[in-house]
Amino acid sequence: MQLNDQEGVLKWASKGLPRLSEDTVDARKEWVQRNVALAEKKLSELEELGETCMKVSSDAESSELDDKYDDEGNAWQ
């Protein structure tokens, strides 16, 4: 609001938890359910990304080790 960004205010206000009143109890429950589902989805995506990063990292480390040792497992001097 202090930036005089009316579009931004409306955008982010619409994403917020509805005010508590007898008329908005159902809307608040829906908001919580929707946002919990979104958070679970994001967490799952990040876990998959983390697994992918760990695999790539492990593969890179294995490749680097192959370059540092000869066929008999002796370190290059």
N, C-alpha and C. Protein backbone atom coordinates (compact mmCIF):
# COMPACT_ATOMS: atom_id res chain seq x y z
N MET A 1 0.82 -1.18 0.00
CA MET A 1 0.00 0.00 0.00
C MET A 1 0.86 1.25 0.00
N GLN A 2 1.95 1.21 0.75
CA GLN A 2 2.80 2.39 0.84
C GLN A 2 3.53 2.67 -0.47
N LEU A 3 3.60 1.66 -1.35
CA LEU A 3 4.23 1.85 -2.65
C LEU A 3 3.23 2.30 -3.71
N ASN A 4 1.99 2.53 -3.27
CA ASN A 4 0.91 2.93 -4.18
C ASN A 4 0.73 1.93 -5.31
N ASP A 5 0.84 0.64 -4.98
CA ASP A 5 0.68 -0.43 -5.96
C ASP A 5 -0.65 -1.13 -5.71
N GLN A 6 -1.70 -0.56 -6.27
CA GLN A 6 -3.05 -1.09 -6.02
C GLN A 6 -3.19 -2.52 -6.55
N GLU A 7 -2.62 -2.80 -7.72
CA GLU A 7 -2.69 -4.16 -8.26
C GLU A 7 -2.01 -5.16 -7.33
N GLY A 8 -0.84 -4.79 -6.84
CA GLY A 8 -0.11 -5.66 -5.92
C GLY A 8 -0.87 -5.88 -4.62
N VAL A 9 -1.48 -4.83 -4.12
CA VAL A 9 -2.27 -4.94 -2.88
C VAL A 9 -3.41 -5.92 -3.09
N LEU A 10 -4.12 -5.79 -4.19
CA LEU A 10 -5.26 -6.67 -4.46
C LEU A 10 -4.81 -8.11 -4.68
N LYS A 11 -3.70 -8.27 -5.39
CA LYS A 11 -3.17 -9.62 -5.66
C LYS A 11 -2.84 -10.34 -4.36
N TRP A 12 -2.05 -9.69 -3.51
CA TRP A 12 -1.60 -10.36 -2.29
C TRP A 12 -2.69 -10.43 -1.23
N ALA A 13 -3.58 -9.46 -1.20
CA ALA A 13 -4.69 -9.52 -0.25
C ALA A 13 -5.61 -10.69 -0.57
N SER A 14 -5.77 -10.99 -1.85
CA SER A 14 -6.64 -12.11 -2.24
C SER A 14 -6.04 -13.46 -1.86
N LYS A 15 -4.72 -13.51 -1.67
CA LYS A 15 -4.05 -14.75 -1.29
C LYS A 15 -4.03 -14.97 0.22
N GLY A 16 -4.37 -13.94 0.98
CA GLY A 16 -4.29 -14.02 2.43
C GLY A 16 -5.45 -14.80 3.05
N LEU A 17 -5.24 -15.19 4.27
CA LEU A 17 -6.27 -15.90 5.04
C LEU A 17 -7.45 -14.96 5.29
N PRO A 18 -8.67 -15.39 4.93
CA PRO A 18 -9.84 -14.53 5.17
C PRO A 18 -9.98 -14.20 6.66
N ARG A 19 -10.50 -13.02 6.94
CA ARG A 19 -10.73 -12.60 8.33
C ARG A 19 -11.70 -13.57 9.00
N LEU A 20 -11.56 -13.74 10.28
CA LEU A 20 -12.39 -14.67 11.03
C LEU A 20 -13.73 -14.02 11.39
N SER A 21 -14.77 -14.68 10.95
CA SER A 21 -16.13 -14.30 11.33
C SER A 21 -17.00 -15.54 11.12
N GLU A 22 -18.21 -15.49 11.60
CA GLU A 22 -19.10 -16.63 11.42
C GLU A 22 -19.36 -16.89 9.94
N ASP A 23 -19.31 -15.86 9.12
CA ASP A 23 -19.58 -16.00 7.70
C ASP A 23 -18.40 -16.54 6.91
N THR A 24 -17.21 -16.46 7.47
CA THR A 24 -16.02 -16.85 6.71
C THR A 24 -15.36 -18.13 7.20
N VAL A 25 -15.98 -18.85 8.09
CA VAL A 25 -15.37 -20.08 8.63
C VAL A 25 -15.09 -21.07 7.51
N ASP A 26 -16.04 -21.30 6.63
CA ASP A 26 -15.83 -22.25 5.53
C ASP A 26 -14.73 -21.77 4.58
N ALA A 27 -14.71 -20.48 4.29
CA ALA A 27 -13.68 -19.93 3.41
C ALA A 27 -12.30 -20.11 4.04
N ARG A 28 -12.20 -19.94 5.35
CA ARG A 28 -10.91 -20.12 6.03
C ARG A 28 -10.47 -21.58 5.98
N LYS A 29 -11.41 -22.51 6.16
CA LYS A 29 -11.07 -23.94 6.09
C LYS A 29 -10.57 -24.28 4.69
N GLU A 30 -11.25 -23.79 3.66
CA GLU A 30 -10.82 -24.03 2.28
C GLU A 30 -9.44 -23.44 2.03
N TRP A 31 -9.20 -22.24 2.56
CA TRP A 31 -7.90 -21.59 2.39
C TRP A 31 -6.80 -22.45 3.00
N VAL A 32 -7.05 -22.93 4.20
CA VAL A 32 -6.05 -23.77 4.89
C VAL A 32 -5.80 -25.05 4.09
N GLN A 33 -6.87 -25.72 3.68
CA GLN A 33 -6.71 -26.96 2.92
C GLN A 33 -5.95 -26.73 1.61
N ARG A 34 -6.29 -25.66 0.90
CA ARG A 34 -5.64 -25.34 -0.37
C ARG A 34 -4.16 -25.05 -0.15
N ASN A 35 -3.84 -24.29 0.89
CA ASN A 35 -2.44 -23.93 1.12
C ASN A 35 -1.61 -25.07 1.69
N VAL A 36 -2.23 -25.94 2.46
CA VAL A 36 -1.51 -27.13 2.94
C VAL A 36 -1.19 -28.03 1.75
N ALA A 37 -2.17 -28.22 0.84
CA ALA A 37 -1.93 -29.03 -0.35
C ALA A 37 -0.82 -28.42 -1.21
N LEU A 38 -0.83 -27.11 -1.36
CA LEU A 38 0.21 -26.43 -2.13
C LEU A 38 1.58 -26.61 -1.47
N ALA A 39 1.64 -26.49 -0.17
CA ALA A 39 2.90 -26.66 0.56
C ALA A 39 3.42 -28.09 0.41
N GLU A 40 2.52 -29.07 0.49
CA GLU A 40 2.92 -30.47 0.33
C GLU A 40 3.44 -30.73 -1.08
N LYS A 41 2.79 -30.13 -2.07
CA LYS A 41 3.23 -30.28 -3.46
C LYS A 41 4.62 -29.68 -3.63
N LYS A 42 4.84 -28.49 -3.11
CA LYS A 42 6.15 -27.83 -3.22
C LYS A 42 7.23 -28.63 -2.51
N LEU A 43 6.90 -29.16 -1.33
CA LEU A 43 7.86 -29.98 -0.59
C LEU A 43 8.25 -31.21 -1.39
N SER A 44 7.26 -31.86 -1.99
CA SER A 44 7.53 -33.05 -2.81
C SER A 44 8.44 -32.69 -3.98
N GLU A 45 8.16 -31.57 -4.65
CA GLU A 45 8.99 -31.14 -5.77
C GLU A 45 10.42 -30.87 -5.32
N LEU A 46 10.57 -30.24 -4.17
CA LEU A 46 11.91 -29.95 -3.66
C LEU A 46 12.65 -31.21 -3.24
N GLU A 47 11.92 -32.19 -2.69
CA GLU A 47 12.55 -33.46 -2.32
C GLU A 47 13.06 -34.17 -3.57
N GLU A 48 12.25 -34.17 -4.65
CA GLU A 48 12.68 -34.79 -5.90
C GLU A 48 13.90 -34.06 -6.46
N LEU A 49 13.89 -32.74 -6.40
CA LEU A 49 15.03 -31.96 -6.88
C LEU A 49 16.28 -32.28 -6.06
N GLY A 50 16.11 -32.40 -4.76
CA GLY A 50 17.24 -32.75 -3.89
C GLY A 50 17.81 -34.11 -4.23
N GLU A 51 16.93 -35.08 -4.48
CA GLU A 51 17.39 -36.42 -4.86
C GLU A 51 18.16 -36.38 -6.17
N THR A 52 17.64 -35.60 -7.13
CA THR A 52 18.31 -35.47 -8.42
C THR A 52 19.68 -34.83 -8.25
N CYS A 53 19.76 -33.79 -7.43
CA CYS A 53 21.04 -33.12 -7.19
C CYS A 53 22.03 -34.05 -6.51
N MET A 54 21.56 -34.85 -5.58
CA MET A 54 22.45 -35.78 -4.89
C MET A 54 22.97 -36.83 -5.87
N LYS A 55 22.11 -37.31 -6.77
CA LYS A 55 22.53 -38.30 -7.75
C LYS A 55 23.56 -37.70 -8.69
N VAL A 56 23.31 -36.50 -9.19
CA VAL A 56 24.26 -35.85 -10.08
C VAL A 56 25.59 -35.63 -9.37
N SER A 57 25.52 -35.21 -8.11
CA SER A 57 26.73 -34.98 -7.33
C SER A 57 27.51 -36.28 -7.14
N SER A 58 26.79 -37.36 -6.82
CA SER A 58 27.44 -38.66 -6.63
C SER A 58 28.09 -39.15 -7.92
N ASP A 59 27.37 -38.97 -9.03
CA ASP A 59 27.91 -39.39 -10.32
C ASP A 59 29.16 -38.59 -10.66
N ALA A 60 29.15 -37.29 -10.38
CA ALA A 60 30.31 -36.44 -10.66
C ALA A 60 31.49 -36.85 -9.79
N GLU A 61 31.23 -37.15 -8.52
CA GLU A 61 32.32 -37.57 -7.62
C GLU A 61 32.91 -38.88 -8.09
N SER A 62 32.08 -39.81 -8.54
CA SER A 62 32.58 -41.09 -9.04
C SER A 62 33.45 -40.88 -10.26
N SER A 63 33.01 -40.01 -11.15
CA SER A 63 33.78 -39.71 -12.35
C SER A 63 35.11 -39.08 -12.00
N GLU A 64 35.12 -38.17 -11.04
CA GLU A 64 36.36 -37.53 -10.62
C GLU A 64 37.31 -38.55 -10.01
N LEU A 65 36.78 -39.50 -9.23
CA LEU A 65 37.63 -40.52 -8.62
C LEU A 65 38.22 -41.43 -9.68
N ASP A 66 37.43 -41.74 -10.71
CA ASP A 66 37.95 -42.58 -11.79
C ASP A 66 39.15 -41.93 -12.45
N ASP A 67 39.14 -40.61 -12.57
CA ASP A 67 40.24 -39.88 -13.19
C ASP A 67 41.47 -39.82 -12.29
N LYS A 68 41.32 -40.00 -10.99
CA LYS A 68 42.43 -39.85 -10.05
C LYS A 68 43.14 -41.17 -9.76
N TYR A 69 42.54 -42.30 -10.17
CA TYR A 69 43.12 -43.61 -9.87
C TYR A 69 43.33 -44.38 -11.16
N ASP A 70 44.37 -45.22 -11.16
CA ASP A 70 44.58 -46.05 -12.34
C ASP A 70 43.70 -47.29 -12.27
N ASP A 71 43.83 -48.19 -13.24
CA ASP A 71 42.94 -49.37 -13.31
C ASP A 71 43.11 -50.30 -12.11
N GLU A 72 44.23 -50.22 -11.43
CA GLU A 72 44.44 -51.10 -10.28
C GLU A 72 44.06 -50.45 -8.97
N GLY A 73 43.48 -49.25 -9.01
CA GLY A 73 43.04 -48.58 -7.79
C GLY A 73 44.13 -47.77 -7.11
N ASN A 74 45.28 -47.61 -7.76
CA ASN A 74 46.36 -46.84 -7.19
C ASN A 74 46.21 -45.36 -7.57
N ALA A 75 46.44 -44.51 -6.61
CA ALA A 75 46.33 -43.08 -6.87
C ALA A 75 47.42 -42.64 -7.81
N TRP A 76 47.09 -41.77 -8.72
CA TRP A 76 48.10 -41.21 -9.63
C TRP A 76 49.05 -40.34 -8.81
N GLN A 77 50.29 -40.48 -9.07
CA GLN A 77 51.30 -39.75 -8.32
C GLN A 77 51.69 -38.48 -8.99
